[in-house]
Amino acid sequence: MSRRSARLVAALVAAVVLTIAAACSESGGYDQDDLQRDVDAIRDRGAVGAQARVTLGGEVFVAVSGVADIQSREPVPENGHYRIASTTKTFVATVVLQLVGEGSLSLDDTVAQHLPGVVSGGGHDGSAITIRDLLRHTSGIYDYNLDEEWNPFNALEIFEERRFDHYEPEELVAIAMHHPPIFEPGTARSYSNTNYVLIGMIIEAVTGNPWAEEIRDRIIEPLGLEQTTVGNGPQMPDPHARGYYQFAQGGPLVDATLLDPSAGDAGGAIISTPKDVSRFFSALLGGELLAPEQLAEMQDTVPTEGGRYGLGLGWSPLSCGGGYWRHGGAVPGYLSLEGFNEDGSRGVVLSVSSWRADPVANQAQDEAALELIDNVLCEG
């Protein structure tokens, strides 16, 4: 529901990689104490709460820091639910690539083939935009989240008035269609949540089922992700840390836990836990969800600032060489980050339950989060 997921890895990864010292631990590996230290560092840089789960082969470490509620001061629960925001896109892209493997569609199919007339007007041409363009953000379609008249997260007053409003995907796409294309399809890349709203619509057009049902049937149930749901209302399952959002620098932290997730649709409506998200990425990268050909398509990346991006899957460099697979996401109240090695056997999932309007504070918090991922994968 926010472009901050793209900025997280774009603006900071390069700096973090250059500044992290001692890429390999002299103690022989990353452990529970290291994880607690790194999660506490995120709290110390301003986060209300944070939780992380690390998988290193057969070893699993979990750590929490901060509080789940600034009023009660209850501690952050281990394996608490959170809005995974744009990490949803990796789930959605996986379903599309499964459909490709089954022959139900092609990555070279155009939007107009499956959604005739939906992407049109104002210079838009759905017959020139492929499914691959949507998945890779090379469509040139405007991100409806940037429309200041619509966005319910720009000001506290608007948020309180509209936080429980429900939106149909057609409404979100229509907002984007009021803006001209950013560039000709396939000639550049610009992150746009509209792309994945359209992908969700295409999944339904091809299968006859809503994208949420396809994710449930193809990913959630087969992998036993019992704590993962596609948000269809404002509630949050227990246990969870409350999510806090600061609308203006110097303003109060607002409890943004409850909101209607339809504003994110197929680009950001899933609620999960670190355990389930870790299981998903391990299964995806380990070849349980996609055939090798489709996984290779997903990992066929184009350059972005600070990394690379494929089909619903991003890549970032490590200070010790090589890199990791991830997506990440942000929605008012929650930040979602993760990083996994090539086969998914080693990785970390991290949730932070606050987001401030102060860019300096945010940068410090984000740097600590990215340092944690780097430490896990370089030292583990």
Protein backbone atom coordinates (compact mmCIF):
# COMPACT_ATOMS: atom_id res chain seq x y z
CA MET A 1 0.00 0.00 0.00
CA SER A 2 3.05 2.22 0.07
CA ARG A 3 6.06 2.83 -2.11
CA ARG A 4 8.22 2.87 1.00
CA SER A 5 9.00 -0.82 0.47
CA ALA A 6 10.86 0.19 -2.68
CA ARG A 7 12.66 3.07 -0.98
CA LEU A 8 13.72 0.82 1.92
CA VAL A 9 16.06 -1.18 -0.24
CA ALA A 10 16.77 1.53 -2.79
CA ALA A 11 18.16 4.32 -0.63
CA LEU A 12 19.87 2.35 2.09
CA VAL A 13 21.27 -0.94 0.88
CA ALA A 14 24.32 0.55 -0.77
CA ALA A 15 25.20 2.59 2.30
CA VAL A 16 24.69 -0.34 4.66
CA VAL A 17 26.83 -2.64 2.54
CA LEU A 18 29.65 -0.10 2.52
CA THR A 19 29.57 0.62 6.25
CA ILE A 20 29.06 -2.79 7.87
CA ALA A 21 32.32 -4.01 9.31
CA ALA A 22 33.46 -7.55 10.00
CA ALA A 23 31.35 -9.40 7.49
CA CYS A 24 32.16 -12.74 9.08
CA SER A 25 31.83 -13.41 12.79
CA GLU A 26 34.97 -14.47 14.59
CA SER A 27 32.81 -16.40 17.05
CA GLY A 28 31.89 -18.90 14.36
CA GLY A 29 28.37 -17.93 13.41
CA TYR A 30 25.30 -15.86 14.08
CA ASP A 31 23.37 -16.91 17.19
CA GLN A 32 20.50 -16.01 19.51
CA ASP A 33 22.47 -13.33 21.34
CA ASP A 34 23.42 -11.71 18.04
CA LEU A 35 19.81 -11.62 16.95
CA GLN A 36 18.64 -10.07 20.22
CA ARG A 37 21.39 -7.44 19.92
CA ASP A 38 20.32 -6.57 16.38
CA VAL A 39 16.59 -6.45 17.15
CA ASP A 40 17.30 -4.25 20.19
CA ALA A 41 19.27 -1.93 17.89
CA ILE A 42 16.14 -1.38 15.79
CA ARG A 43 14.20 -0.50 18.95
CA ASP A 44 16.98 1.79 20.12
CA ARG A 45 16.76 3.73 16.85
CA GLY A 46 13.11 4.56 17.40
CA ALA A 47 10.95 1.53 16.64
CA VAL A 48 8.05 0.95 19.00
CA GLY A 49 8.32 -2.79 18.50
CA ALA A 50 10.18 -5.32 16.38
CA GLN A 51 10.23 -9.07 15.93
CA ALA A 52 12.48 -11.34 13.89
CA ARG A 53 12.84 -15.00 12.98
CA VAL A 54 16.12 -16.40 11.69
CA THR A 55 16.54 -19.77 9.98
CA LEU A 56 20.06 -21.11 9.52
CA GLY A 57 19.74 -24.61 8.14
CA GLY A 58 18.32 -26.62 11.02
CA GLU A 59 18.64 -23.82 13.58
CA VAL A 60 15.90 -21.30 14.29
CA PHE A 61 16.27 -18.16 16.42
CA VAL A 62 13.51 -15.72 17.34
CA ALA A 63 13.72 -12.39 19.14
CA VAL A 64 11.45 -9.49 20.00
CA SER A 65 12.10 -6.01 21.34
CA GLY A 66 10.08 -3.00 22.37
CA VAL A 67 6.39 -3.00 23.22
CA ALA A 68 3.22 -4.21 21.53
CA ASP A 69 1.12 -1.38 22.93
CA ILE A 70 2.43 2.02 23.99
CA GLN A 71 -0.38 2.34 26.54
CA SER A 72 -0.22 -1.03 28.29
CA ARG A 73 3.53 -1.51 27.62
CA GLU A 74 2.94 -5.19 26.96
CA PRO A 75 5.92 -6.84 25.27
CA VAL A 76 5.92 -7.67 21.56
CA PRO A 77 4.60 -11.24 21.15
CA GLU A 78 6.82 -13.85 19.57
CA ASN A 79 5.58 -14.76 16.10
CA GLY A 80 2.93 -12.06 16.18
CA HIS A 81 0.67 -11.31 13.23
CA TYR A 82 1.44 -8.25 11.11
CA ARG A 83 0.43 -6.74 7.78
CA ILE A 84 3.09 -7.91 5.36
CA ALA A 85 2.13 -5.13 2.93
CA SER A 86 3.95 -5.37 -0.43
CA THR A 87 5.49 -8.72 0.46
CA THR A 88 2.04 -9.82 -0.72
CA LYS A 89 3.31 -9.21 -4.25
CA THR A 90 5.64 -12.21 -4.07
CA PHE A 91 2.71 -14.48 -3.20
CA VAL A 92 0.69 -13.05 -6.09
CA ALA A 93 3.55 -13.36 -8.57
CA THR A 94 4.02 -16.99 -7.53
CA VAL A 95 0.42 -17.77 -8.44
CA VAL A 96 0.87 -16.12 -11.84
CA LEU A 97 3.99 -18.17 -12.55
CA GLN A 98 2.18 -21.33 -11.52
CA LEU A 99 -0.51 -20.46 -14.07
CA VAL A 100 2.23 -19.92 -16.64
CA GLY A 101 3.63 -23.36 -15.88
CA GLU A 102 0.17 -24.85 -16.33
CA GLY A 103 -0.26 -23.17 -19.71
CA SER A 104 -3.18 -21.01 -18.56
CA LEU A 105 -1.44 -17.79 -19.59
CA SER A 106 1.88 -16.47 -20.85
CA LEU A 107 4.11 -13.77 -19.47
CA ASP A 108 3.97 -12.23 -22.94
CA ASP A 109 0.17 -12.00 -22.88
CA THR A 110 -1.01 -8.41 -22.90
CA VAL A 111 -3.27 -6.81 -20.35
CA ALA A 112 -5.86 -6.20 -23.06
CA GLN A 113 -6.09 -9.92 -23.81
CA HIS A 114 -7.40 -10.63 -20.34
CA LEU A 115 -8.85 -7.26 -19.29
CA PRO A 116 -10.11 -5.62 -22.47
CA GLY A 117 -10.75 -1.92 -22.10
CA VAL A 118 -9.50 -1.67 -18.51
CA VAL A 119 -6.15 -0.02 -19.29
CA SER A 120 -7.13 2.63 -21.81
CA GLY A 121 -7.52 6.35 -22.28
CA GLY A 122 -5.15 9.15 -21.37
CA GLY A 123 -2.37 7.64 -23.45
CA HIS A 124 -2.71 4.15 -21.96
CA ASP A 125 -2.73 1.12 -24.22
CA GLY A 126 -3.35 -2.24 -22.58
CA SER A 127 -2.39 -4.04 -25.77
CA ALA A 128 1.20 -2.76 -25.39
CA ILE A 129 1.67 -3.88 -21.77
CA THR A 130 2.50 -7.48 -20.96
CA ILE A 131 1.98 -9.50 -17.79
CA ARG A 132 5.77 -9.50 -17.44
CA ASP A 133 5.71 -5.69 -17.48
CA LEU A 134 3.16 -5.67 -14.66
CA LEU A 135 5.10 -8.13 -12.52
CA ARG A 136 8.42 -6.32 -13.07
CA HIS A 137 7.02 -2.78 -12.81
CA THR A 138 8.06 -1.89 -16.34
CA SER A 139 4.51 -1.05 -17.48
CA GLY A 140 4.74 2.72 -17.07
CA ILE A 141 1.36 2.77 -15.35
CA TYR A 142 0.96 5.43 -12.66
CA ASP A 143 0.82 4.28 -9.02
CA TYR A 144 -2.63 5.13 -7.70
CA ASN A 145 -1.13 5.50 -4.21
CA LEU A 146 0.57 8.68 -5.39
CA ASP A 147 -2.74 10.38 -6.17
CA GLU A 148 -2.91 12.95 -3.39
CA GLU A 149 -6.66 13.49 -3.70
CA TRP A 150 -7.34 9.80 -3.16
CA ASN A 151 -4.64 8.57 -0.79
CA PRO A 152 -6.23 8.05 2.65
CA PHE A 153 -2.84 7.95 4.38
CA ASN A 154 -1.62 11.46 3.60
CA ALA A 155 -3.15 13.16 6.66
CA LEU A 156 -4.56 12.07 9.99
CA GLU A 157 -7.94 13.65 9.38
CA ILE A 158 -8.36 11.85 6.05
CA PHE A 159 -7.15 8.57 7.54
CA GLU A 160 -9.63 8.69 10.41
CA GLU A 161 -12.44 9.49 8.00
CA ARG A 162 -11.60 6.80 5.42
CA ARG A 163 -9.56 4.07 7.17
CA PHE A 164 -12.46 1.60 6.99
CA ASP A 165 -13.60 2.43 3.45
CA HIS A 166 -13.69 -0.51 1.05
CA TYR A 167 -12.34 -0.23 -2.50
CA GLU A 168 -12.92 -2.46 -5.49
CA PRO A 169 -9.86 -3.11 -7.68
CA GLU A 170 -11.57 -1.41 -10.63
CA GLU A 171 -11.78 1.79 -8.56
CA LEU A 172 -8.06 1.72 -7.83
CA VAL A 173 -7.14 1.16 -11.47
CA ALA A 174 -9.48 3.96 -12.53
CA ILE A 175 -7.55 6.37 -10.28
CA ALA A 176 -4.34 5.48 -12.10
CA MET A 177 -6.00 5.86 -15.49
CA HIS A 178 -6.63 9.54 -14.73
CA HIS A 179 -2.86 10.04 -14.96
CA PRO A 180 -0.78 9.71 -18.12
CA PRO A 181 1.75 6.88 -18.42
CA ILE A 182 5.13 7.56 -16.85
CA PHE A 183 6.99 6.03 -19.81
CA GLU A 184 6.45 3.72 -22.75
CA PRO A 185 5.94 0.10 -21.63
CA GLY A 186 9.18 -1.86 -21.32
CA THR A 187 11.50 1.14 -21.64
CA ALA A 188 12.09 1.83 -17.94
CA ARG A 189 11.03 0.72 -14.47
CA SER A 190 8.92 2.47 -11.83
CA TYR A 191 7.32 0.76 -8.85
CA SER A 192 3.54 0.93 -9.10
CA ASN A 193 0.98 -0.79 -6.92
CA THR A 194 -1.48 -0.48 -9.79
CA ASN A 195 0.46 -3.20 -11.61
CA TYR A 196 -0.43 -5.79 -8.99
CA VAL A 197 -4.05 -4.72 -8.70
CA LEU A 198 -4.24 -5.51 -12.42
CA ILE A 199 -2.43 -8.82 -11.84
CA GLY A 200 -5.07 -9.75 -9.27
CA MET A 201 -7.79 -8.96 -11.79
CA ILE A 202 -6.03 -11.07 -14.42
CA ILE A 203 -5.79 -14.03 -12.03
CA GLU A 204 -9.56 -13.87 -11.55
CA ALA A 205 -10.19 -13.51 -15.28
CA VAL A 206 -8.08 -16.61 -16.01
CA THR A 207 -9.17 -18.86 -13.14
CA GLY A 208 -12.66 -17.64 -12.39
CA ASN A 209 -11.64 -17.19 -8.75
CA PRO A 210 -10.53 -14.11 -6.79
CA TRP A 211 -6.77 -13.85 -6.41
CA ALA A 212 -7.15 -14.35 -2.65
CA GLU A 213 -8.76 -17.74 -3.17
CA GLU A 214 -6.02 -18.83 -5.55
CA ILE A 215 -3.36 -17.87 -2.99
CA ARG A 216 -5.23 -19.80 -0.32
CA ASP A 217 -5.62 -22.91 -2.49
CA ARG A 218 -2.17 -22.86 -4.11
CA ILE A 219 0.09 -21.55 -1.33
CA ILE A 220 -1.47 -21.09 2.09
CA GLU A 221 -3.12 -24.49 2.45
CA PRO A 222 -0.47 -26.65 0.72
CA LEU A 223 2.30 -25.12 2.84
CA GLY A 224 0.26 -25.24 6.05
CA LEU A 225 0.46 -21.49 6.61
CA GLU A 226 -2.15 -21.57 9.35
CA GLN A 227 -1.40 -18.03 10.54
CA THR A 228 -1.68 -16.40 7.11
CA THR A 229 -4.85 -14.73 5.88
CA VAL A 230 -5.77 -12.42 3.06
CA GLY A 231 -7.25 -9.45 4.85
CA ASN A 232 -10.92 -9.03 4.02
CA GLY A 233 -11.74 -6.68 6.87
CA PRO A 234 -10.08 -4.31 9.35
CA GLN A 235 -9.45 -6.85 12.11
CA MET A 236 -6.04 -8.25 13.06
CA PRO A 237 -5.71 -11.80 14.41
CA ASP A 238 -4.22 -12.29 17.85
CA PRO A 239 -1.51 -12.17 18.96
CA HIS A 240 -0.18 -9.02 17.36
CA ALA A 241 1.70 -5.87 18.18
CA ARG A 242 -0.27 -2.73 17.49
CA GLY A 243 0.99 -0.75 14.51
CA TYR A 244 1.77 2.96 14.92
CA TYR A 245 2.01 5.62 12.25
CA GLN A 246 3.16 9.23 12.48
CA PHE A 247 1.41 11.37 9.89
CA ALA A 248 3.44 14.55 10.43
CA GLN A 249 6.92 15.15 11.78
CA GLY A 250 6.63 16.04 15.45
CA GLY A 251 3.06 14.75 15.55
CA PRO A 252 1.71 11.90 17.67
CA LEU A 253 2.11 8.23 16.91
CA VAL A 254 -1.35 7.09 15.84
CA ASP A 255 -2.63 3.56 16.34
CA ALA A 256 -3.20 2.45 12.72
CA THR A 257 -3.63 -1.26 13.47
CA LEU A 258 -7.18 -1.51 12.19
CA LEU A 259 -7.89 -0.49 8.61
CA ASP A 260 -9.54 -1.92 5.53
CA PRO A 261 -6.82 -3.63 3.46
CA SER A 262 -8.70 -3.32 0.17
CA ALA A 263 -6.77 -0.11 -0.52
CA GLY A 264 -3.78 -2.40 -1.14
CA ASP A 265 -5.67 -5.25 -2.82
CA ALA A 266 -3.35 -7.74 -4.58
CA GLY A 267 -0.45 -5.40 -3.94
CA GLY A 268 -0.56 -5.58 -0.15
CA ALA A 269 -3.50 -7.18 1.69
CA ILE A 270 -1.98 -10.29 3.33
CA ILE A 271 -1.59 -10.68 7.10
CA SER A 272 0.92 -13.26 8.31
CA THR A 273 3.60 -14.07 10.89
CA PRO A 274 7.40 -14.39 10.70
CA LYS A 275 7.13 -18.18 10.89
CA ASP A 276 4.72 -18.40 7.95
CA VAL A 277 6.56 -15.85 5.81
CA SER A 278 9.80 -17.74 6.44
CA ARG A 279 8.14 -20.98 5.40
CA PHE A 280 6.84 -19.35 2.22
CA PHE A 281 10.20 -17.95 1.08
CA SER A 282 12.00 -21.18 1.94
CA ALA A 283 9.46 -23.14 -0.10
CA LEU A 284 9.58 -20.70 -3.01
CA LEU A 285 13.35 -20.54 -3.29
CA GLY A 286 13.69 -24.23 -2.49
CA GLY A 287 11.63 -25.20 -5.53
CA GLU A 288 8.46 -26.39 -3.78
CA LEU A 289 6.11 -23.90 -5.42
CA LEU A 290 7.50 -23.34 -8.91
CA ALA A 291 9.14 -25.48 -11.55
CA PRO A 292 12.77 -24.50 -12.26
CA GLU A 293 11.81 -22.69 -15.47
CA GLN A 294 9.27 -20.49 -13.71
CA LEU A 295 11.53 -19.80 -10.74
CA ALA A 296 14.24 -18.72 -13.19
CA GLU A 297 11.75 -16.32 -14.79
CA MET A 298 10.93 -14.87 -11.37
CA GLN A 299 14.65 -14.35 -10.69
CA ASP A 300 15.36 -12.75 -14.07
CA THR A 301 15.98 -9.25 -12.77
CA VAL A 302 16.44 -5.70 -14.00
CA PRO A 303 18.59 -3.10 -12.20
CA THR A 304 17.07 -0.87 -9.55
CA GLU A 305 18.66 1.68 -7.28
CA GLY A 306 20.53 -0.38 -4.69
CA GLY A 307 19.68 -3.80 -6.11
CA ARG A 308 17.66 -5.67 -8.73
CA TYR A 309 14.03 -6.68 -9.24
CA GLY A 310 12.51 -9.65 -11.02
CA LEU A 311 8.90 -10.83 -11.17
CA GLY A 312 7.63 -10.01 -7.71
CA LEU A 313 11.01 -10.77 -6.17
CA GLY A 314 13.87 -8.41 -5.37
CA TRP A 315 17.60 -8.91 -4.86
CA SER A 316 20.03 -6.92 -2.72
CA PRO A 317 23.82 -7.17 -2.24
CA LEU A 318 25.55 -8.32 0.92
CA SER A 319 28.64 -6.74 2.46
CA CYS A 320 30.42 -10.12 2.33
CA GLY A 321 29.71 -10.64 -1.37
CA GLY A 322 26.79 -12.10 -3.23
CA GLY A 323 23.28 -11.09 -2.26
CA TYR A 324 19.89 -12.13 -0.98
CA TRP A 325 16.31 -12.47 -2.22
CA ARG A 326 13.56 -10.38 -0.67
CA HIS A 327 10.64 -8.10 -1.29
CA GLY A 328 9.65 -6.07 1.76
CA GLY A 329 6.69 -3.81 2.26
CA ALA A 330 5.19 -0.95 4.23
CA VAL A 331 1.69 0.00 5.30
CA PRO A 332 0.79 2.54 7.97
CA GLY A 333 1.79 0.84 11.20
CA TYR A 334 3.90 -2.03 9.90
CA LEU A 335 7.13 -2.58 8.00
CA SER A 336 7.91 -5.98 6.49
CA LEU A 337 11.45 -7.04 5.58
CA GLU A 338 13.12 -10.33 4.76
CA GLY A 339 16.25 -11.77 3.20
CA PHE A 340 17.02 -15.32 2.03
CA ASN A 341 19.93 -17.06 0.38
CA GLU A 342 19.71 -18.71 -3.03
CA ASP A 343 17.96 -21.93 -1.98
CA GLY A 344 15.96 -20.49 0.93
CA SER A 345 17.74 -22.58 3.58
CA ARG A 346 19.11 -19.51 5.38
CA GLY A 347 17.23 -16.33 5.97
CA VAL A 348 15.50 -13.84 8.20
CA VAL A 349 12.02 -12.34 8.42
CA LEU A 350 11.56 -9.06 10.27
CA SER A 351 8.52 -6.99 11.24
CA VAL A 352 8.68 -3.47 12.68
CA SER A 353 5.48 -2.04 14.15
CA SER A 354 5.97 1.69 13.75
CA TRP A 355 6.64 4.18 11.00
CA ARG A 356 7.57 7.80 11.70
CA ALA A 357 7.30 10.90 9.54
CA ASP A 358 10.83 11.98 10.49
CA PRO A 359 13.07 10.91 7.57
CA VAL A 360 16.21 10.94 9.73
CA ALA A 361 14.64 8.66 12.34
CA ASN A 362 13.30 6.39 9.61
CA GLN A 363 16.69 6.12 7.96
CA ALA A 364 18.34 5.17 11.25
CA GLN A 365 15.69 2.53 11.91
CA ASP A 366 15.88 1.16 8.39
CA GLU A 367 19.67 1.00 8.46
CA ALA A 368 19.48 -1.08 11.65
CA ALA A 369 16.99 -3.45 9.99
CA LEU A 370 19.17 -3.91 6.93
CA GLU A 371 22.24 -4.41 9.11
CA LEU A 372 20.39 -7.23 10.87
CA ILE A 373 19.71 -8.97 7.55
CA ASP A 374 23.31 -8.51 6.44
CA ASN A 375 24.64 -9.84 9.74
CA VAL A 376 22.45 -12.94 9.58
CA LEU A 377 23.43 -13.88 6.04
CA CYS A 378 27.11 -12.96 6.30
CA GLU A 379 27.78 -14.38 9.74
CA GLY A 380 25.28 -17.24 9.86
